[in-house]
C-alpha atoms as a PDB file:
ATOM      1  CA  MET A   1     -68.849 124.337 -35.188  1.00  0.00           C
ATOM      2  CA  SER A   2     -65.517 123.613 -35.680  1.00  0.00           C
ATOM      3  CA  VAL A   3     -62.308 123.920 -33.897  1.00  0.00           C
ATOM      4  CA  ALA A   4     -61.365 127.008 -35.410  1.00  0.00           C
ATOM      5  CA  SER A   5     -64.567 128.629 -33.824  1.00  0.00           C
ATOM      6  CA  THR A   6     -63.972 127.248 -30.018  1.00  0.00           C
ATOM      7  CA  SER A   7     -60.512 128.891 -30.432  1.00  0.00           C
ATOM      8  CA  ALA A   8     -62.028 131.922 -31.309  1.00  0.00           C
ATOM      9  CA  THR A   9     -64.212 132.037 -28.351  1.00  0.00           C
ATOM     10  CA  SER A  10     -61.530 131.211 -25.970  1.00  0.00           C
ATOM     11  CA  SER A  11     -59.591 133.937 -27.610  1.00  0.00           C
ATOM     12  CA  ILE A  12     -61.897 135.998 -26.929  1.00  0.00           C
ATOM     13  CA  ALA A  13     -62.435 135.518 -23.616  1.00  0.00           C
ATOM     14  CA  SER A  14     -58.541 135.412 -23.330  1.00  0.00           C
ATOM     15  CA  LEU A  15     -58.089 138.997 -24.733  1.00  0.00           C
ATOM     16  CA  SER A  16     -61.059 140.734 -22.722  1.00  0.00           C
ATOM     17  CA  ARG A  17     -58.941 139.200 -19.432  1.00  0.00           C
ATOM     18  CA  THR A  18     -55.690 140.687 -20.898  1.00  0.00           C
ATOM     19  CA  ALA A  19     -56.999 143.870 -21.671  1.00  0.00           C
ATOM     20  CA  ARG A  20     -58.295 144.424 -18.223  1.00  0.00           C
ATOM     21  CA  PRO A  21     -57.293 148.096 -16.761  1.00  0.00           C
ATOM     22  CA  GLY A  22     -56.149 149.087 -13.474  1.00  0.00           C
ATOM     23  CA  LYS A  23     -54.258 145.738 -12.426  1.00  0.00           C
ATOM     24  CA  ALA A  24     -51.009 145.761 -11.239  1.00  0.00           C
ATOM     25  CA  GLU A  25     -48.283 145.242 -13.774  1.00  0.00           C
ATOM     26  CA  ALA A  26     -46.551 141.913 -13.699  1.00  0.00           C
ATOM     27  CA  ALA A  27     -43.551 141.170 -14.021  1.00  0.00           C
ATOM     28  CA  PRO A  28     -41.766 141.953 -17.552  1.00  0.00           C
ATOM     29  CA  ALA A  29     -41.539 138.294 -18.374  1.00  0.00           C
ATOM     30  CA  GLN A  30     -45.108 137.188 -17.580  1.00  0.00           C
ATOM     31  CA  SER A  31     -46.384 140.642 -19.770  1.00  0.00           C
ATOM     32  CA  GLU A  32     -44.246 139.944 -22.595  1.00  0.00           C
ATOM     33  CA  ALA A  33     -46.289 136.430 -22.852  1.00  0.00           C
ATOM     34  CA  ALA A  34     -49.268 137.514 -22.300  1.00  0.00           C
ATOM     35  CA  ALA A  35     -48.555 139.787 -24.669  1.00  0.00           C
ATOM     36  CA  SER A  36     -47.415 137.164 -27.238  1.00  0.00           C
ATOM     37  CA  LYS A  37     -50.574 135.302 -26.377  1.00  0.00           C
ATOM     38  CA  ALA A  38     -53.051 137.954 -26.928  1.00  0.00           C
ATOM     39  CA  VAL A  39     -51.256 138.791 -30.741  1.00  0.00           C
ATOM     40  CA  SER A  40     -51.297 134.912 -31.339  1.00  0.00           C
ATOM     41  CA  ASP A  41     -55.532 134.893 -30.305  1.00  0.00           C
ATOM     42  CA  PHE A  42     -56.007 137.783 -32.154  1.00  0.00           C
ATOM     43  CA  ARG A  43     -54.350 136.149 -34.972  1.00  0.00           C
ATOM     44  CA  ASP A  44     -56.374 133.175 -34.718  1.00  0.00           C
ATOM     45  CA  PHE A  45     -59.480 134.998 -33.946  1.00  0.00           C
ATOM     46  CA  MET A  46     -59.104 137.152 -37.400  1.00  0.00           C
ATOM     47  CA  LYS A  47     -58.322 134.329 -39.113  1.00  0.00           C
ATOM     48  CA  LEU A  48     -62.221 133.351 -38.696  1.00  0.00           C
ATOM     49  CA  SER A  49     -65.121 134.240 -41.572  1.00  0.00           C
ATOM     50  CA  PRO A  50     -67.055 137.330 -40.218  1.00  0.00           C
ATOM     51  CA  ILE A  51     -70.453 135.307 -39.486  1.00  0.00           C
ATOM     52  CA  GLN A  52     -67.699 132.829 -37.184  1.00  0.00           C
ATOM     53  CA  ARG A  53     -66.478 136.204 -35.814  1.00  0.00           C
ATOM     54  CA  MET A  54     -70.103 137.315 -35.242  1.00  0.00           C
ATOM     55  CA  ARG A  55     -71.241 133.752 -33.009  1.00  0.00           C
ATOM     56  CA  ALA A  56     -67.806 134.152 -31.102  1.00  0.00           C
ATOM     57  CA  ASN A  57     -68.881 137.425 -30.289  1.00  0.00           C
ATOM     58  CA  ILE A  58     -72.123 136.831 -29.536  1.00  0.00           C
ATOM     59  CA  LEU A  59     -71.249 133.478 -27.049  1.00  0.00           C
ATOM     60  CA  ALA A  60     -68.832 135.725 -25.387  1.00  0.00           C
ATOM     61  CA  LYS A  61     -71.242 138.322 -24.608  1.00  0.00           C
ATOM     62  CA  MET A  62     -73.291 135.715 -23.318  1.00  0.00           C
ATOM     63  CA  ASP A  63     -70.487 134.242 -20.986  1.00  0.00           C
ATOM     64  CA  LEU A  64     -70.406 130.597 -23.281  1.00  0.00           C
ATOM     65  CA  THR A  65     -68.101 129.149 -25.431  1.00  0.00           C
ATOM     66  CA  GLU A  66     -68.494 126.931 -28.085  1.00  0.00           C
ATOM     67  CA  ASP A  67     -67.550 123.435 -25.677  1.00  0.00           C
ATOM     68  CA  SER A  68     -69.971 124.803 -23.022  1.00  0.00           C
ATOM     69  CA  LEU A  69     -72.854 125.042 -25.383  1.00  0.00           C
ATOM     70  CA  THR A  70     -71.653 121.952 -26.467  1.00  0.00           C
ATOM     71  CA  ALA A  71     -72.093 120.373 -23.091  1.00  0.00           C
ATOM     72  CA  LEU A  72     -76.131 122.118 -22.402  1.00  0.00           C
ATOM     73  CA  ASP A  73     -79.373 119.943 -22.823  1.00  0.00           C
ATOM     74  CA  THR A  74     -81.118 119.887 -26.650  1.00  0.00           C
ATOM     75  CA  GLU A  75     -83.835 122.498 -25.166  1.00  0.00           C
ATOM     76  CA  ALA A  76     -81.432 124.898 -23.798  1.00  0.00           C
ATOM     77  CA  ARG A  77     -79.032 124.946 -26.809  1.00  0.00           C
ATOM     78  CA  GLN A  78     -81.699 125.301 -29.501  1.00  0.00           C
ATOM     79  CA  LYS A  79     -82.918 128.792 -27.669  1.00  0.00           C
ATOM     80  CA  ILE A  80     -79.707 129.546 -27.646  1.00  0.00           C
ATOM     81  CA  GLU A  81     -79.094 128.820 -31.283  1.00  0.00           C
ATOM     82  CA  GLU A  82     -82.326 130.445 -32.118  1.00  0.00           C
ATOM     83  CA  GLN A  83     -81.260 133.613 -30.519  1.00  0.00           C
ATOM     84  CA  ILE A  84     -77.453 133.063 -31.728  1.00  0.00           C
ATOM     85  CA  LYS A  85     -79.400 133.423 -35.740  1.00  0.00           C
ATOM     86  CA  ALA A  86     -81.503 136.186 -35.018  1.00  0.00           C
ATOM     87  CA  GLN A  87     -78.361 138.267 -33.587  1.00  0.00           C
ATOM     88  CA  ILE A  88     -76.559 137.169 -36.835  1.00  0.00           C
ATOM     89  CA  LYS A  89     -79.469 137.890 -38.850  1.00  0.00           C
ATOM     90  CA  GLU A  90     -80.390 140.883 -37.495  1.00  0.00           C
ATOM     91  CA  ALA A  91     -76.629 142.163 -38.070  1.00  0.00           C
ATOM     92  CA  VAL A  92     -76.764 141.187 -41.368  1.00  0.00           C
ATOM     93  CA  THR A  93     -80.112 142.123 -42.778  1.00  0.00           C
ATOM     94  CA  GLY A  94     -80.305 145.232 -40.385  1.00  0.00           C
ATOM     95  CA  SER A  95     -82.992 146.070 -37.904  1.00  0.00           C
ATOM     96  CA  ALA A  96     -86.324 144.695 -38.440  1.00  0.00           C
ATOM     97  CA  GLY A  97     -88.021 148.302 -39.334  1.00  0.00           C
ATOM     98  CA  GLN A  98     -87.194 150.182 -42.639  1.00  0.00           C
ATOM     99  CA  LYS A  99     -84.401 152.774 -42.061  1.00  0.00           C
ATOM    100  CA  THR A 100     -85.183 155.802 -43.437  1.00  0.00           C
ATOM    101  CA  GLY A 101     -82.533 158.824 -45.044  1.00  0.00           C
ATOM    102  CA  LEU A 102     -80.627 155.659 -46.504  1.00  0.00           C
ATOM    103  CA  LEU A 103     -81.276 157.046 -50.258  1.00  0.00           C
ATOM    104  CA  THR A 104     -81.272 160.604 -51.459  1.00  0.00           C
ATOM    105  CA  ASP A 105     -82.723 162.094 -54.904  1.00  0.00           C
ATOM    106  CA  MET A 106     -79.813 163.782 -55.856  1.00  0.00           C
ATOM    107  CA  LYS A 107     -81.748 165.670 -59.326  1.00  0.00           C
ATOM    108  CA  ALA A 108     -84.142 167.326 -56.805  1.00  0.00           C
END
């Protein structure tokens, strides 16, 4: 996967750590730096294609990054890649079953 995907996965993790409620306020300089980093991470994430974003989100949900995925043995990596592929396919094509109520007969 590309460097942008690796950056996106780490950006998602960074954004989720930055946005945690209930933590004490840091010093103003630290909070400004954290806000600046969050904005930078968000911009990097938005530069990705929709598929790259989906992949980064799926990896983040699995508590993985592109680097940690690459470090896995071949068999484990293949299983995770198949899960990612299936989740992306489902998101793009919709659920496996046929949805009802999508079309309306306007002439009736």
